[in-house]
Amino acid sequence: MITEIAHITVKAGMEAAFEQGVAEAAPLFQRAHGCRGLALQRGIEQPTHYRLVVQWETLEDHTVTFRGSDDFQAWRRLVGHCFESAPQVEHVATVLQPF
């Protein structure tokens, strides 16, 4: 399992529109090959800062299959206008989970 963490900064005043766009896009992720879960987190100290956390079976499920799909383009149409700057995306694998 791979976790995608997208660090997203939205334009001030666009927080509600962004959150609504992510809610509308949830089915796009739900039906994506290899997608196992999605969560949106919002910064407390910096409320225009978000983390989109997506669980994928494999890295390629995200970077090749989803990013190459029409659903990825639909996702960007739903939320792209809210971005202050391009999202910074990283992928991580759990190496320790003691509890």
Protein backbone atom coordinates (compact mmCIF):
# COMPACT_ATOMS: atom_id res chain seq x y z
CA MET A 1 0.00 0.00 0.00
CA ILE A 2 1.24 3.46 -0.97
CA THR A 3 0.05 6.73 0.52
CA GLU A 4 -0.10 9.81 -1.66
CA ILE A 5 0.13 13.06 0.28
CA ALA A 6 -0.72 16.13 -1.79
CA HIS A 7 0.17 19.41 -0.07
CA ILE A 8 -2.32 21.89 -1.48
CA THR A 9 -2.57 25.62 -0.83
CA VAL A 10 -5.80 27.21 -1.99
CA LYS A 11 -6.54 30.84 -2.71
CA ALA A 12 -7.84 32.73 0.33
CA GLY A 13 -11.62 32.71 0.27
CA MET A 14 -11.76 29.57 -1.88
CA GLU A 15 -11.72 27.08 1.00
CA ALA A 16 -15.42 26.18 0.83
CA ALA A 17 -15.33 25.84 -2.97
CA PHE A 18 -12.27 23.60 -2.74
CA GLU A 19 -13.81 21.38 -0.07
CA GLN A 20 -17.02 21.10 -2.14
CA GLY A 21 -14.96 20.22 -5.21
CA VAL A 22 -13.13 17.46 -3.34
CA ALA A 23 -16.48 16.11 -2.08
CA GLU A 24 -17.80 16.07 -5.65
CA ALA A 25 -14.62 14.37 -6.86
CA ALA A 26 -14.74 11.59 -4.25
CA PRO A 27 -16.55 9.17 -6.63
CA LEU A 28 -13.77 9.69 -9.20
CA PHE A 29 -11.26 8.39 -6.69
CA GLN A 30 -13.59 5.70 -5.36
CA ARG A 31 -13.85 4.10 -8.79
CA ALA A 32 -10.17 4.55 -9.66
CA HIS A 33 -8.22 1.34 -10.06
CA GLY A 34 -6.22 0.63 -6.92
CA CYS A 35 -7.63 3.47 -4.82
CA ARG A 36 -8.39 2.28 -1.29
CA GLY A 37 -9.28 5.49 0.55
CA LEU A 38 -9.22 9.27 0.59
CA ALA A 39 -9.11 11.89 3.32
CA LEU A 40 -8.89 15.67 3.18
CA GLN A 41 -7.18 17.46 6.06
CA ARG A 42 -7.19 21.21 6.64
CA GLY A 43 -4.56 23.21 8.49
CA ILE A 44 -5.57 24.78 11.79
CA GLU A 45 -2.94 27.51 11.92
CA GLN A 46 -3.00 28.00 8.14
CA PRO A 47 -6.56 27.27 6.98
CA THR A 48 -5.69 27.65 3.29
CA HIS A 49 -3.30 24.70 3.59
CA TYR A 50 -4.69 21.23 2.93
CA ARG A 51 -3.39 17.69 2.77
CA LEU A 52 -5.14 15.29 0.43
CA VAL A 53 -4.23 11.81 1.61
CA VAL A 54 -5.01 8.95 -0.77
CA GLN A 55 -4.31 5.27 -0.27
CA TRP A 56 -3.27 3.38 -3.42
CA GLU A 57 -2.48 -0.29 -3.92
CA THR A 58 0.59 0.60 -6.02
CA LEU A 59 2.47 3.73 -7.02
CA GLU A 60 1.54 3.10 -10.65
CA ASP A 61 -2.17 3.04 -9.78
CA HIS A 62 -1.76 6.73 -8.99
CA THR A 63 1.05 7.97 -11.21
CA VAL A 64 0.16 6.07 -14.39
CA THR A 65 -3.41 4.78 -14.30
CA PHE A 66 -5.20 7.59 -12.45
CA ARG A 67 -3.14 10.50 -13.72
CA GLY A 68 -3.61 9.24 -17.27
CA SER A 69 -7.37 8.95 -16.92
CA ASP A 70 -10.29 11.17 -17.85
CA ASP A 71 -11.24 11.10 -14.17
CA PHE A 72 -7.98 12.87 -13.29
CA GLN A 73 -8.87 15.62 -15.76
CA ALA A 74 -12.33 15.87 -14.19
CA TRP A 75 -10.72 16.13 -10.73
CA ARG A 76 -8.56 19.02 -11.88
CA ARG A 77 -11.56 20.78 -13.44
CA LEU A 78 -13.42 20.53 -10.13
CA VAL A 79 -10.63 21.92 -7.93
CA GLY A 80 -7.83 23.37 -10.06
CA HIS A 81 -9.24 26.90 -10.08
CA CYS A 82 -8.90 26.93 -6.27
CA PHE A 83 -5.14 26.25 -6.23
CA GLU A 84 -2.85 29.09 -5.14
CA SER A 85 0.06 27.11 -6.60
CA ALA A 86 0.69 23.66 -7.98
CA PRO A 87 0.19 20.90 -5.39
CA GLN A 88 3.32 19.27 -4.01
CA VAL A 89 2.84 15.52 -4.09
CA GLU A 90 4.83 12.86 -2.29
CA HIS A 91 4.34 9.13 -1.92
CA VAL A 92 5.18 7.25 1.24
CA ALA A 93 5.13 3.65 2.42
CA THR A 94 4.58 2.69 6.03
CA VAL A 95 7.69 1.13 7.54
CA LEU A 96 6.58 1.02 11.18
CA GLN A 97 3.17 1.09 12.84
CA PRO A 98 3.64 -0.09 16.43
CA PHE A 99 0.00 0.46 17.45
